[in-house]
Amino acid sequence: MVLINSYKIQIKGVLNKVNFPYSSFSNLYNQSEEVVLFGSCATNSQNIQSDIDILFVCEEESIRAPGVDFICTSRNKINSKEWLGSEIANHIAKYGIWLKGKGSWREKVFISSLSIENKQKIIVKRVSHILAKKEKLNSDQLNRLSVDVFLNLGRLWFLINGKAVPVTKSVSKEMVDSDSLWNWFFLGKPLRGNNNSLLTELRNLVDKKEVIKILKTKYLGEGKA
């Protein structure tokens, strides 16, 4: 109980910083079977840009506001294959901190083929968006926009290898430290069919060293952007 109260104090402090009423958290907390803190605040890897992410198992509507992501989902959904196989369920099951409830569902999570396919679709969409306007972007803009693509490729690597995706800071560190991961991005054909040619085109436009520098600055707290 002491530990849970300390997390509540931490949550209150974060919500105060983003001018979000603590009463909204309290109301959802009281109505929920389970309450789980997850994301960067649960792993003590948050920065000034981080949201506070909390799962509530209840029948209320989710709340998304600047700096706040309160995900509300029902008991029926939390036990569905769709949820149990999702990227977010696997992340919460491994890294979440239960403030209320037992979370028996976390023993049943798995990486579904749908979660992998959804991640691949996100990557294709974002790469296509960059390539469509490449003529209007300078090299710095290309490098900065591509960071999100490479982060999602890093998350895809975890999913394909049957692992829960960690927080962005941990994915960034893996990318900074691992040349083999970059080789997989461009040689391992992580996307479906001809979509891998999009990655080849992006690779020829961006500077890997600059992308790594942005990752170090933005997510690992090294240097200035």
Protein backbone atom coordinates (compact mmCIF):
# COMPACT_ATOMS: atom_id res chain seq x y z
CA MET A 1 0.00 0.00 0.00
CA VAL A 2 2.88 2.38 0.81
CA LEU A 3 4.40 1.73 -2.63
CA ILE A 4 1.05 2.25 -4.37
CA ASN A 5 0.55 5.54 -2.52
CA SER A 6 4.00 6.69 -3.60
CA TYR A 7 3.06 6.04 -7.23
CA LYS A 8 -0.18 7.98 -6.73
CA ILE A 9 1.84 10.93 -5.44
CA GLN A 10 4.10 10.65 -8.49
CA ILE A 11 1.07 10.56 -10.80
CA LYS A 12 -0.43 13.59 -9.08
CA GLY A 13 2.80 15.50 -9.58
CA VAL A 14 2.95 14.66 -13.28
CA LEU A 15 -0.70 15.59 -13.81
CA ASN A 16 -0.18 18.92 -12.05
CA LYS A 17 2.69 19.72 -14.42
CA VAL A 18 0.45 19.25 -17.47
CA ASN A 19 -2.52 21.02 -15.81
CA PHE A 20 -4.71 17.92 -15.81
CA PRO A 21 -7.13 17.43 -12.88
CA TYR A 22 -6.08 14.66 -10.49
CA SER A 23 -9.78 14.12 -9.75
CA SER A 24 -10.19 12.56 -13.20
CA PHE A 25 -7.58 9.97 -12.29
CA SER A 26 -9.20 9.39 -8.88
CA ASN A 27 -12.66 8.89 -10.39
CA LEU A 28 -11.40 6.35 -12.91
CA TYR A 29 -9.32 4.63 -10.24
CA ASN A 30 -12.34 4.15 -8.00
CA GLN A 31 -14.47 2.75 -10.86
CA SER A 32 -11.85 0.33 -12.19
CA GLU A 33 -11.14 -3.33 -11.45
CA GLU A 34 -7.52 -2.84 -12.47
CA VAL A 35 -5.28 0.21 -12.77
CA VAL A 36 -1.85 -0.16 -14.37
CA LEU A 37 0.86 2.46 -14.81
CA PHE A 38 2.92 1.72 -17.90
CA GLY A 39 5.23 3.40 -20.41
CA SER A 40 8.16 5.61 -19.47
CA CYS A 41 6.78 6.62 -16.06
CA ALA A 42 6.62 2.95 -15.04
CA THR A 43 10.25 2.34 -16.02
CA ASN A 44 11.57 5.65 -14.69
CA SER A 45 12.73 6.64 -18.18
CA GLN A 46 10.47 9.63 -18.76
CA ASN A 47 11.58 13.01 -20.06
CA ILE A 48 9.84 16.37 -20.33
CA GLN A 49 8.09 15.23 -23.53
CA SER A 50 6.74 11.98 -22.07
CA ASP A 51 3.05 11.28 -21.56
CA ILE A 52 1.76 9.54 -18.47
CA ASP A 53 0.20 6.26 -19.61
CA ILE A 54 -2.32 4.40 -17.46
CA LEU A 55 -4.61 1.46 -18.21
CA PHE A 56 -7.99 1.33 -16.47
CA VAL A 57 -10.14 -1.80 -16.70
CA CYS A 58 -13.58 -0.24 -16.55
CA GLU A 59 -16.58 0.74 -18.69
CA GLU A 60 -15.66 4.41 -19.04
CA GLU A 61 -14.32 6.28 -22.08
CA SER A 62 -10.59 6.65 -22.62
CA ILE A 63 -9.08 10.09 -22.02
CA ARG A 64 -6.36 11.58 -24.19
CA ALA A 65 -5.07 15.06 -23.47
CA PRO A 66 -1.69 16.81 -23.74
CA GLY A 67 0.69 14.78 -21.59
CA VAL A 68 -2.00 12.27 -20.61
CA ASP A 69 -3.08 8.92 -22.08
CA PHE A 70 -5.68 7.12 -19.96
CA ILE A 71 -6.73 3.94 -21.75
CA CYS A 72 -10.01 2.49 -20.57
CA THR A 73 -10.96 -1.02 -21.65
CA SER A 74 -13.62 -3.43 -20.48
CA ARG A 75 -13.14 -6.75 -18.68
CA ASN A 76 -14.49 -8.57 -21.75
CA LYS A 77 -11.99 -6.90 -24.07
CA ILE A 78 -9.05 -7.43 -21.73
CA ASN A 79 -9.59 -11.19 -22.04
CA SER A 80 -10.08 -11.18 -25.83
CA LYS A 81 -7.52 -12.62 -28.24
CA GLU A 82 -7.36 -9.25 -29.99
CA TRP A 83 -6.16 -7.57 -26.79
CA LEU A 84 -3.96 -10.41 -25.54
CA GLY A 85 -2.09 -10.56 -28.85
CA SER A 86 -1.61 -6.81 -29.19
CA GLU A 87 1.61 -4.84 -28.87
CA ILE A 88 0.28 -2.74 -26.01
CA ALA A 89 -1.01 -5.72 -23.99
CA ASN A 90 2.39 -7.43 -24.20
CA HIS A 91 4.15 -4.22 -23.18
CA ILE A 92 1.87 -3.66 -20.18
CA ALA A 93 2.08 -7.31 -19.11
CA LYS A 94 5.88 -7.14 -18.94
CA TYR A 95 6.61 -3.57 -17.90
CA GLY A 96 3.42 -2.32 -16.23
CA ILE A 97 3.05 -1.57 -12.53
CA TRP A 98 -0.26 -2.71 -11.05
CA LEU A 99 -1.74 -0.07 -8.75
CA LYS A 100 -5.01 -1.98 -8.40
CA GLY A 101 -6.14 -5.50 -9.27
CA LYS A 102 -4.16 -8.65 -10.01
CA GLY A 103 -3.83 -8.69 -13.79
CA SER A 104 -4.32 -12.43 -14.24
CA TRP A 105 -4.71 -11.85 -18.01
CA ARG A 106 -1.01 -11.02 -18.37
CA GLU A 107 -0.15 -14.70 -18.13
CA LYS A 108 -2.03 -15.26 -21.40
CA VAL A 109 -0.48 -12.60 -23.65
CA PHE A 110 1.18 -13.52 -26.93
CA ILE A 111 2.53 -11.71 -30.00
CA SER A 112 -0.12 -12.10 -32.69
CA SER A 113 0.50 -12.05 -36.43
CA LEU A 114 -2.00 -9.17 -36.57
CA SER A 115 0.15 -7.02 -34.26
CA ILE A 116 3.14 -7.61 -36.55
CA GLU A 117 1.10 -6.85 -39.65
CA ASN A 118 -0.28 -3.64 -38.11
CA LYS A 119 3.24 -2.45 -37.28
CA GLN A 120 4.39 -3.18 -40.83
CA LYS A 121 1.46 -1.17 -42.22
CA ILE A 122 2.36 1.80 -40.01
CA ILE A 123 5.95 1.70 -41.26
CA VAL A 124 4.93 1.49 -44.93
CA LYS A 125 2.54 4.41 -44.50
CA ARG A 126 5.16 6.62 -42.85
CA VAL A 127 7.95 5.74 -45.28
CA SER A 128 5.61 6.41 -48.21
CA HIS A 129 4.70 9.78 -46.70
CA ILE A 130 8.38 10.80 -46.47
CA LEU A 131 9.21 9.62 -49.96
CA ALA A 132 6.19 11.42 -51.43
CA LYS A 133 7.55 14.79 -50.34
CA LYS A 134 11.29 14.07 -50.45
CA GLU A 135 11.90 16.76 -53.09
CA LYS A 136 10.65 19.42 -50.67
CA LEU A 137 12.76 18.27 -47.71
CA ASN A 138 16.35 19.11 -46.90
CA SER A 139 18.72 16.49 -45.47
CA ASP A 140 18.11 17.52 -41.85
CA GLN A 141 14.33 17.25 -42.29
CA LEU A 142 14.68 13.85 -43.94
CA ASN A 143 16.83 12.56 -41.09
CA ARG A 144 14.47 13.85 -38.41
CA LEU A 145 11.34 12.49 -40.07
CA SER A 146 12.97 9.11 -40.61
CA VAL A 147 13.69 8.68 -36.88
CA ASP A 148 10.07 7.68 -36.28
CA VAL A 149 10.30 5.10 -39.09
CA PHE A 150 13.43 3.54 -37.62
CA LEU A 151 11.95 3.48 -34.11
CA ASN A 152 8.96 1.56 -35.47
CA LEU A 153 11.32 -0.80 -37.28
CA GLY A 154 13.03 -1.36 -33.93
CA ARG A 155 9.68 -2.14 -32.33
CA LEU A 156 8.88 -4.47 -35.21
CA TRP A 157 12.12 -6.35 -34.56
CA PHE A 158 11.00 -7.04 -30.98
CA LEU A 159 7.57 -8.24 -32.15
CA ILE A 160 8.94 -10.53 -34.85
CA ASN A 161 11.28 -12.05 -32.28
CA GLY A 162 8.36 -12.73 -29.92
CA LYS A 163 9.34 -10.08 -27.39
CA ALA A 164 7.31 -7.36 -25.69
CA VAL A 165 8.26 -3.94 -27.04
CA PRO A 166 9.99 -1.87 -24.35
CA VAL A 167 9.73 1.90 -23.91
CA THR A 168 11.09 4.20 -26.61
CA LYS A 169 14.26 4.96 -24.65
CA SER A 170 15.15 1.25 -24.56
CA VAL A 171 14.38 0.79 -28.26
CA SER A 172 16.59 3.79 -29.02
CA LYS A 173 19.45 2.38 -26.96
CA GLU A 174 19.19 -0.94 -28.78
CA MET A 175 19.40 0.89 -32.11
CA VAL A 176 22.35 3.02 -31.03
CA ASP A 177 24.29 0.03 -29.71
CA SER A 178 23.49 -2.59 -32.37
CA ASP A 179 24.85 -2.57 -35.93
CA SER A 180 23.17 -5.93 -36.51
CA LEU A 181 19.78 -4.30 -35.95
CA TRP A 182 20.47 -1.75 -38.70
CA ASN A 183 21.59 -4.55 -41.00
CA TRP A 184 18.27 -6.26 -40.34
CA PHE A 185 16.40 -3.05 -41.21
CA PHE A 186 17.91 -2.94 -44.68
CA LEU A 187 18.90 -6.54 -45.47
CA GLY A 188 16.50 -8.66 -43.42
CA LYS A 189 13.40 -7.71 -45.42
CA PRO A 190 11.28 -6.78 -42.38
CA LEU A 191 8.30 -5.67 -44.50
CA ARG A 192 5.94 -7.64 -46.69
CA GLY A 193 6.65 -8.19 -50.39
CA ASN A 194 7.91 -5.28 -52.46
CA ASN A 195 7.55 -2.82 -49.60
CA ASN A 196 11.17 -3.50 -48.61
CA SER A 197 12.23 -1.48 -51.66
CA LEU A 198 10.78 1.56 -49.88
CA LEU A 199 13.31 1.06 -47.08
CA THR A 200 16.13 0.81 -49.62
CA GLU A 201 15.07 4.14 -51.12
CA LEU A 202 14.87 5.74 -47.68
CA ARG A 203 18.29 4.39 -46.76
CA ASN A 204 19.78 6.17 -49.78
CA LEU A 205 18.27 9.47 -48.64
CA VAL A 206 19.18 9.55 -44.94
CA ASP A 207 22.43 9.67 -42.99
CA LYS A 208 22.52 6.84 -40.44
CA LYS A 209 25.05 8.71 -38.26
CA GLU A 210 22.76 11.73 -38.09
CA VAL A 211 19.74 9.57 -37.26
CA ILE A 212 21.70 7.95 -34.41
CA LYS A 213 22.75 11.39 -33.20
CA ILE A 214 19.09 12.47 -33.08
CA LEU A 215 18.16 9.30 -31.17
CA LYS A 216 20.92 9.96 -28.64
CA THR A 217 19.82 13.55 -28.18
CA LYS A 218 16.07 13.16 -28.12
CA TYR A 219 15.67 9.87 -26.26
CA LEU A 220 18.93 9.15 -24.47
CA GLY A 221 19.67 12.65 -23.21
CA GLU A 222 23.06 12.99 -24.88
CA GLY A 223 24.08 16.39 -26.28
CA LYS A 224 21.77 18.91 -27.91
CA ALA A 225 19.49 18.61 -30.94
